[in-house]
Amino acid sequence: MKADIGMLILRVSAGLFMATHGFGKIFGGRMEGFASGVEDMGFPLPVVFAWAAALSELVGGVFVALGLFTRISAFFVACTMFVAGFIRHGADPFSDKEMALLYLAINLFFLLAGGGRWTVDALIRKVR
């Protein structure tokens, strides 16, 4: 029971915090600069990859928070945070990559463990 409460708190808080990063990029007028940064990392089709990353943060974060398609959502967020932590901030001091690595670790946990007992996924399974 205590573990379920802990997973719920971690999933909701980390998911919603992650979603704010994507929200700021998409609705805060930062996509052009973000796409430029993606291009600087050498990604092909930087606008497409920038949108994929921002949507991963926003939609993936909300889905992780809800526990909806939790493992799939956590996978996409983890991939985005891997790029942020090891490619974008790879040569930066630890303090600059710490948040990306923390989100990576949290989402790897939910990828492997699932969302826990109190998720939309669990409600869908019960209804079937």
N, C-alpha and C. Protein backbone atom coordinates (compact mmCIF):
# COMPACT_ATOMS: atom_id res chain seq x y z
N MET A 1 0.82 -1.20 0.00
CA MET A 1 0.00 0.00 0.00
C MET A 1 0.86 1.26 0.00
N LYS A 2 1.89 1.30 0.86
CA LYS A 2 2.77 2.48 0.89
C LYS A 2 3.52 2.63 -0.41
N ALA A 3 3.95 1.52 -1.01
CA ALA A 3 4.65 1.58 -2.29
C ALA A 3 3.72 2.12 -3.38
N ASP A 4 2.44 1.75 -3.34
CA ASP A 4 1.48 2.26 -4.32
C ASP A 4 1.31 3.77 -4.19
N ILE A 5 1.27 4.25 -2.95
CA ILE A 5 1.16 5.70 -2.73
C ILE A 5 2.42 6.40 -3.23
N GLY A 6 3.57 5.83 -2.95
CA GLY A 6 4.83 6.41 -3.42
C GLY A 6 4.91 6.46 -4.94
N MET A 7 4.50 5.37 -5.59
CA MET A 7 4.50 5.35 -7.07
C MET A 7 3.53 6.38 -7.63
N LEU A 8 2.38 6.52 -7.01
CA LEU A 8 1.40 7.51 -7.46
C LEU A 8 1.97 8.92 -7.36
N ILE A 9 2.55 9.24 -6.22
CA ILE A 9 3.11 10.58 -6.02
C ILE A 9 4.24 10.84 -7.00
N LEU A 10 5.14 9.89 -7.17
CA LEU A 10 6.26 10.06 -8.09
C LEU A 10 5.76 10.18 -9.53
N ARG A 11 4.83 9.32 -9.93
CA ARG A 11 4.33 9.33 -11.30
C ARG A 11 3.63 10.64 -11.63
N VAL A 12 2.76 11.09 -10.74
CA VAL A 12 2.00 12.31 -11.01
C VAL A 12 2.92 13.53 -10.99
N SER A 13 3.76 13.63 -9.98
CA SER A 13 4.61 14.83 -9.90
C SER A 13 5.63 14.87 -11.03
N ALA A 14 6.34 13.78 -11.29
CA ALA A 14 7.34 13.78 -12.35
C ALA A 14 6.68 13.96 -13.71
N GLY A 15 5.53 13.33 -13.91
CA GLY A 15 4.83 13.47 -15.19
C GLY A 15 4.38 14.90 -15.45
N LEU A 16 3.79 15.53 -14.46
CA LEU A 16 3.33 16.91 -14.64
C LEU A 16 4.48 17.89 -14.76
N PHE A 17 5.54 17.68 -13.99
CA PHE A 17 6.72 18.56 -14.13
C PHE A 17 7.32 18.42 -15.52
N MET A 18 7.38 17.19 -16.04
CA MET A 18 7.89 16.97 -17.38
C MET A 18 7.01 17.66 -18.40
N ALA A 19 5.71 17.57 -18.22
CA ALA A 19 4.77 18.18 -19.16
C ALA A 19 4.97 19.69 -19.25
N THR A 20 5.35 20.32 -18.16
CA THR A 20 5.56 21.78 -18.20
C THR A 20 6.70 22.15 -19.13
N HIS A 21 7.70 21.28 -19.25
CA HIS A 21 8.82 21.56 -20.16
C HIS A 21 8.34 21.56 -21.61
N GLY A 22 7.55 20.56 -21.98
CA GLY A 22 7.01 20.51 -23.33
C GLY A 22 6.01 21.64 -23.59
N PHE A 23 5.19 21.94 -22.60
CA PHE A 23 4.21 23.03 -22.73
C PHE A 23 4.91 24.35 -23.03
N GLY A 24 6.00 24.62 -22.28
CA GLY A 24 6.74 25.86 -22.50
C GLY A 24 7.34 25.96 -23.88
N LYS A 25 7.80 24.84 -24.41
CA LYS A 25 8.37 24.85 -25.75
C LYS A 25 7.28 25.08 -26.80
N ILE A 26 6.17 24.36 -26.67
CA ILE A 26 5.12 24.41 -27.69
C ILE A 26 4.31 25.70 -27.61
N PHE A 27 3.89 26.07 -26.42
CA PHE A 27 2.99 27.21 -26.27
C PHE A 27 3.68 28.48 -25.77
N GLY A 28 4.97 28.37 -25.44
CA GLY A 28 5.69 29.52 -24.92
C GLY A 28 6.55 30.22 -25.95
N GLY A 29 6.37 29.86 -27.22
CA GLY A 29 7.11 30.53 -28.28
C GLY A 29 8.58 30.14 -28.36
N ARG A 30 8.92 28.95 -27.87
CA ARG A 30 10.33 28.55 -27.84
C ARG A 30 10.67 27.48 -28.88
N MET A 31 9.73 27.10 -29.74
CA MET A 31 9.99 26.01 -30.68
C MET A 31 11.07 26.36 -31.70
N GLU A 32 11.09 27.59 -32.18
CA GLU A 32 12.10 27.96 -33.18
C GLU A 32 13.51 27.83 -32.61
N GLY A 33 13.71 28.35 -31.42
CA GLY A 33 15.02 28.22 -30.77
C GLY A 33 15.35 26.79 -30.41
N PHE A 34 14.35 26.03 -30.01
CA PHE A 34 14.55 24.63 -29.68
C PHE A 34 14.95 23.85 -30.93
N ALA A 35 14.26 24.10 -32.04
CA ALA A 35 14.59 23.43 -33.31
C ALA A 35 16.01 23.78 -33.75
N SER A 36 16.41 25.00 -33.52
CA SER A 36 17.78 25.41 -33.85
C SER A 36 18.79 24.63 -33.01
N GLY A 37 18.49 24.41 -31.75
CA GLY A 37 19.35 23.61 -30.88
C GLY A 37 19.41 22.16 -31.32
N VAL A 38 18.28 21.64 -31.78
CA VAL A 38 18.24 20.26 -32.29
C VAL A 38 19.09 20.15 -33.55
N GLU A 39 19.01 21.17 -34.39
CA GLU A 39 19.85 21.19 -35.60
C GLU A 39 21.33 21.24 -35.24
N ASP A 40 21.68 22.02 -34.23
CA ASP A 40 23.08 22.12 -33.78
C ASP A 40 23.61 20.77 -33.27
N MET A 41 22.73 19.91 -32.79
CA MET A 41 23.15 18.58 -32.34
C MET A 41 23.36 17.62 -33.50
N GLY A 42 22.99 18.05 -34.72
CA GLY A 42 23.23 17.23 -35.90
C GLY A 42 22.08 16.33 -36.31
N PHE A 43 20.91 16.51 -35.72
CA PHE A 43 19.77 15.68 -36.09
C PHE A 43 19.26 16.07 -37.48
N PRO A 44 18.90 15.08 -38.29
CA PRO A 44 18.25 15.42 -39.57
C PRO A 44 16.83 15.89 -39.28
N LEU A 45 16.27 16.65 -40.17
CA LEU A 45 14.90 17.16 -39.99
C LEU A 45 14.72 17.74 -38.59
N PRO A 46 15.48 18.76 -38.25
CA PRO A 46 15.46 19.26 -36.87
C PRO A 46 14.10 19.75 -36.39
N VAL A 47 13.28 20.30 -37.27
CA VAL A 47 11.96 20.76 -36.84
C VAL A 47 11.10 19.56 -36.44
N VAL A 48 11.18 18.48 -37.21
CA VAL A 48 10.41 17.27 -36.89
C VAL A 48 10.87 16.69 -35.55
N PHE A 49 12.19 16.58 -35.38
CA PHE A 49 12.70 16.02 -34.13
C PHE A 49 12.41 16.94 -32.94
N ALA A 50 12.44 18.25 -33.16
CA ALA A 50 12.11 19.19 -32.07
C ALA A 50 10.66 19.02 -31.65
N TRP A 51 9.75 18.91 -32.62
CA TRP A 51 8.35 18.69 -32.28
C TRP A 51 8.14 17.35 -31.61
N ALA A 52 8.84 16.32 -32.08
CA ALA A 52 8.72 15.00 -31.46
C ALA A 52 9.17 15.05 -30.00
N ALA A 53 10.27 15.74 -29.73
CA ALA A 53 10.78 15.84 -28.36
C ALA A 53 9.82 16.65 -27.48
N ALA A 54 9.34 17.78 -28.00
CA ALA A 54 8.44 18.63 -27.21
C ALA A 54 7.12 17.91 -26.93
N LEU A 55 6.59 17.19 -27.92
CA LEU A 55 5.36 16.43 -27.71
C LEU A 55 5.59 15.26 -26.78
N SER A 56 6.77 14.67 -26.85
CA SER A 56 7.12 13.60 -25.92
C SER A 56 7.08 14.13 -24.49
N GLU A 57 7.63 15.31 -24.29
CA GLU A 57 7.63 15.90 -22.95
C GLU A 57 6.21 16.25 -22.50
N LEU A 58 5.44 16.90 -23.37
CA LEU A 58 4.09 17.34 -22.99
C LEU A 58 3.11 16.17 -22.89
N VAL A 59 2.90 15.48 -23.99
CA VAL A 59 1.91 14.39 -24.00
C VAL A 59 2.40 13.21 -23.18
N GLY A 60 3.67 12.86 -23.34
CA GLY A 60 4.23 11.75 -22.55
C GLY A 60 4.17 12.04 -21.07
N GLY A 61 4.48 13.28 -20.69
CA GLY A 61 4.41 13.66 -19.28
C GLY A 61 3.01 13.56 -18.71
N VAL A 62 2.03 14.06 -19.47
CA VAL A 62 0.63 13.97 -19.02
C VAL A 62 0.19 12.51 -18.93
N PHE A 63 0.56 11.72 -19.93
CA PHE A 63 0.17 10.30 -19.91
C PHE A 63 0.83 9.54 -18.76
N VAL A 64 2.09 9.84 -18.48
CA VAL A 64 2.75 9.20 -17.33
C VAL A 64 2.02 9.61 -16.05
N ALA A 65 1.71 10.89 -15.91
CA ALA A 65 1.00 11.37 -14.72
C ALA A 65 -0.33 10.65 -14.53
N LEU A 66 -1.05 10.45 -15.63
CA LEU A 66 -2.34 9.76 -15.56
C LEU A 66 -2.21 8.25 -15.41
N GLY A 67 -1.05 7.73 -15.81
CA GLY A 67 -0.89 6.29 -15.86
C GLY A 67 -1.60 5.72 -17.07
N LEU A 68 -1.56 6.44 -18.17
CA LEU A 68 -2.21 6.03 -19.41
C LEU A 68 -1.13 5.63 -20.42
N PHE A 69 -1.19 4.39 -20.88
CA PHE A 69 -0.11 3.85 -21.73
C PHE A 69 1.24 4.13 -21.07
N THR A 70 1.31 3.83 -19.80
CA THR A 70 2.43 4.26 -18.96
C THR A 70 3.78 3.82 -19.50
N ARG A 71 3.92 2.56 -19.81
CA ARG A 71 5.24 2.06 -20.27
C ARG A 71 5.65 2.69 -21.59
N ILE A 72 4.73 2.81 -22.52
CA ILE A 72 5.03 3.42 -23.82
C ILE A 72 5.38 4.90 -23.64
N SER A 73 4.57 5.60 -22.85
CA SER A 73 4.81 7.02 -22.60
C SER A 73 6.15 7.23 -21.91
N ALA A 74 6.45 6.42 -20.92
CA ALA A 74 7.73 6.52 -20.21
C ALA A 74 8.90 6.24 -21.14
N PHE A 75 8.71 5.31 -22.09
CA PHE A 75 9.77 5.03 -23.06
C PHE A 75 10.11 6.27 -23.88
N PHE A 76 9.10 6.96 -24.41
CA PHE A 76 9.36 8.14 -25.23
C PHE A 76 9.97 9.28 -24.42
N VAL A 77 9.48 9.47 -23.20
CA VAL A 77 10.07 10.50 -22.34
C VAL A 77 11.52 10.13 -22.02
N ALA A 78 11.78 8.86 -21.71
CA ALA A 78 13.14 8.43 -21.39
C ALA A 78 14.08 8.64 -22.58
N CYS A 79 13.61 8.34 -23.78
CA CYS A 79 14.44 8.58 -24.97
C CYS A 79 14.79 10.05 -25.12
N THR A 80 13.80 10.90 -24.92
CA THR A 80 14.02 12.35 -25.01
C THR A 80 15.01 12.81 -23.94
N MET A 81 14.87 12.29 -22.72
CA MET A 81 15.77 12.70 -21.64
C MET A 81 17.18 12.12 -21.82
N PHE A 82 17.28 10.96 -22.47
CA PHE A 82 18.61 10.41 -22.79
C PHE A 82 19.35 11.37 -23.71
N VAL A 83 18.66 11.85 -24.74
CA VAL A 83 19.28 12.81 -25.67
C VAL A 83 19.64 14.09 -24.93
N ALA A 84 18.74 14.57 -24.09
CA ALA A 84 19.02 15.81 -23.34
C ALA A 84 20.22 15.64 -22.41
N GLY A 85 20.27 14.53 -21.70
CA GLY A 85 21.32 14.33 -20.71
C GLY A 85 22.67 13.97 -21.29
N PHE A 86 22.67 13.14 -22.33
CA PHE A 86 23.94 12.61 -22.82
C PHE A 86 24.42 13.24 -24.13
N ILE A 87 23.52 13.87 -24.88
CA ILE A 87 23.95 14.50 -26.13
C ILE A 87 23.94 16.02 -25.97
N ARG A 88 22.76 16.60 -25.69
CA ARG A 88 22.67 18.06 -25.57
C ARG A 88 23.56 18.59 -24.46
N HIS A 89 23.52 17.96 -23.30
CA HIS A 89 24.31 18.44 -22.16
C HIS A 89 25.48 17.52 -21.85
N GLY A 90 25.85 16.68 -22.82
CA GLY A 90 26.91 15.70 -22.60
C GLY A 90 28.22 16.28 -22.11
N ALA A 91 28.63 17.41 -22.66
CA ALA A 91 29.91 18.01 -22.27
C ALA A 91 29.75 19.06 -21.17
N ASP A 92 28.53 19.29 -20.74
CA ASP A 92 28.26 20.31 -19.72
C ASP A 92 28.55 19.75 -18.33
N PRO A 93 28.69 20.65 -17.35
CA PRO A 93 28.86 20.18 -15.96
C PRO A 93 27.63 19.40 -15.51
N PHE A 94 27.83 18.56 -14.51
CA PHE A 94 26.75 17.70 -14.01
C PHE A 94 25.50 18.49 -13.65
N SER A 95 25.68 19.68 -13.09
CA SER A 95 24.52 20.47 -12.67
C SER A 95 23.63 20.85 -13.84
N ASP A 96 24.17 20.91 -15.05
CA ASP A 96 23.37 21.25 -16.23
C ASP A 96 22.61 20.05 -16.79
N LYS A 97 23.08 18.86 -16.51
CA LYS A 97 22.41 17.66 -17.04
C LYS A 97 21.66 16.88 -15.96
N GLU A 98 21.77 17.30 -14.73
CA GLU A 98 21.20 16.57 -13.60
C GLU A 98 19.70 16.34 -13.75
N MET A 99 18.95 17.36 -14.13
CA MET A 99 17.50 17.22 -14.21
C MET A 99 17.12 16.23 -15.31
N ALA A 100 17.78 16.30 -16.47
CA ALA A 100 17.48 15.36 -17.55
C ALA A 100 17.77 13.93 -17.11
N LEU A 101 18.88 13.74 -16.40
CA LEU A 101 19.23 12.39 -15.94
C LEU A 101 18.26 11.88 -14.89
N LEU A 102 17.77 12.78 -14.05
CA LEU A 102 16.77 12.39 -13.04
C LEU A 102 15.47 11.97 -13.72
N TYR A 103 15.00 12.77 -14.68
CA TYR A 103 13.79 12.39 -15.42
C TYR A 103 14.01 11.09 -16.19
N LEU A 104 15.21 10.88 -16.72
CA LEU A 104 15.54 9.63 -17.41
C LEU A 104 15.39 8.45 -16.45
N ALA A 105 15.97 8.57 -15.26
CA ALA A 105 15.91 7.48 -14.28
C ALA A 105 14.47 7.19 -13.85
N ILE A 106 13.70 8.22 -13.60
CA ILE A 106 12.31 8.04 -13.18
C ILE A 106 11.51 7.34 -14.27
N ASN A 107 11.70 7.78 -15.51
CA ASN A 107 10.92 7.18 -16.59
C ASN A 107 11.39 5.78 -16.93
N LEU A 108 12.67 5.49 -16.74
CA LEU A 108 13.13 4.11 -16.89
C LEU A 108 12.47 3.22 -15.84
N PHE A 109 12.31 3.74 -14.64
CA PHE A 109 11.61 3.00 -13.60
C PHE A 109 10.19 2.64 -14.05
N PHE A 110 9.44 3.65 -14.53
CA PHE A 110 8.06 3.39 -14.94
C PHE A 110 7.99 2.55 -16.21
N LEU A 111 8.98 2.63 -17.06
CA LEU A 111 9.05 1.76 -18.23
C LEU A 111 9.15 0.30 -17.79
N LEU A 112 9.99 0.04 -16.80
CA LEU A 112 10.22 -1.33 -16.34
C LEU A 112 9.15 -1.83 -15.38
N ALA A 113 8.69 -0.96 -14.48
CA ALA A 113 7.77 -1.39 -13.41
C ALA A 113 6.30 -1.17 -13.74
N GLY A 114 6.02 -0.33 -14.72
CA GLY A 114 4.63 0.05 -14.96
C GLY A 114 4.23 1.17 -14.02
N GLY A 115 3.00 1.60 -14.13
CA GLY A 115 2.55 2.77 -13.38
C GLY A 115 2.06 2.51 -11.97
N GLY A 116 1.88 1.26 -11.61
CA GLY A 116 1.39 0.96 -10.27
C GLY A 116 -0.10 0.65 -10.29
N ARG A 117 -0.65 0.59 -9.11
CA ARG A 117 -2.05 0.16 -8.93
C ARG A 117 -3.04 1.24 -9.36
N TRP A 118 -2.75 2.50 -9.10
CA TRP A 118 -3.73 3.57 -9.33
C TRP A 118 -3.39 4.31 -10.61
N THR A 119 -3.81 3.74 -11.72
CA THR A 119 -3.56 4.31 -13.04
C THR A 119 -4.81 4.18 -13.89
N VAL A 120 -4.85 4.96 -14.96
CA VAL A 120 -5.91 4.79 -15.94
C VAL A 120 -5.76 3.43 -16.60
N ASP A 121 -4.53 2.99 -16.83
CA ASP A 121 -4.30 1.66 -17.39
C ASP A 121 -5.00 0.58 -16.56
N ALA A 122 -4.87 0.66 -15.23
CA ALA A 122 -5.49 -0.33 -14.35
C ALA A 122 -7.02 -0.25 -14.43
N LEU A 123 -7.57 0.95 -14.55
CA LEU A 123 -9.02 1.10 -14.69
C LEU A 123 -9.50 0.47 -15.99
N ILE A 124 -8.74 0.66 -17.06
CA ILE A 124 -9.12 0.08 -18.35
C ILE A 124 -9.10 -1.44 -18.26
N ARG A 125 -8.08 -2.00 -17.61
CA ARG A 125 -8.00 -3.45 -17.46
C ARG A 125 -9.19 -3.99 -16.67
N LYS A 126 -9.64 -3.26 -15.64
CA LYS A 126 -10.78 -3.71 -14.83
C LYS A 126 -12.07 -3.71 -15.63
N VAL A 127 -12.25 -2.73 -16.47
CA VAL A 127 -13.48 -2.59 -17.25
C VAL A 127 -13.60 -3.70 -18.29
N ARG A 128 -12.47 -4.14 -18.82
CA ARG A 128 -12.51 -5.20 -19.84
C ARG A 128 -12.97 -6.44 -19.25
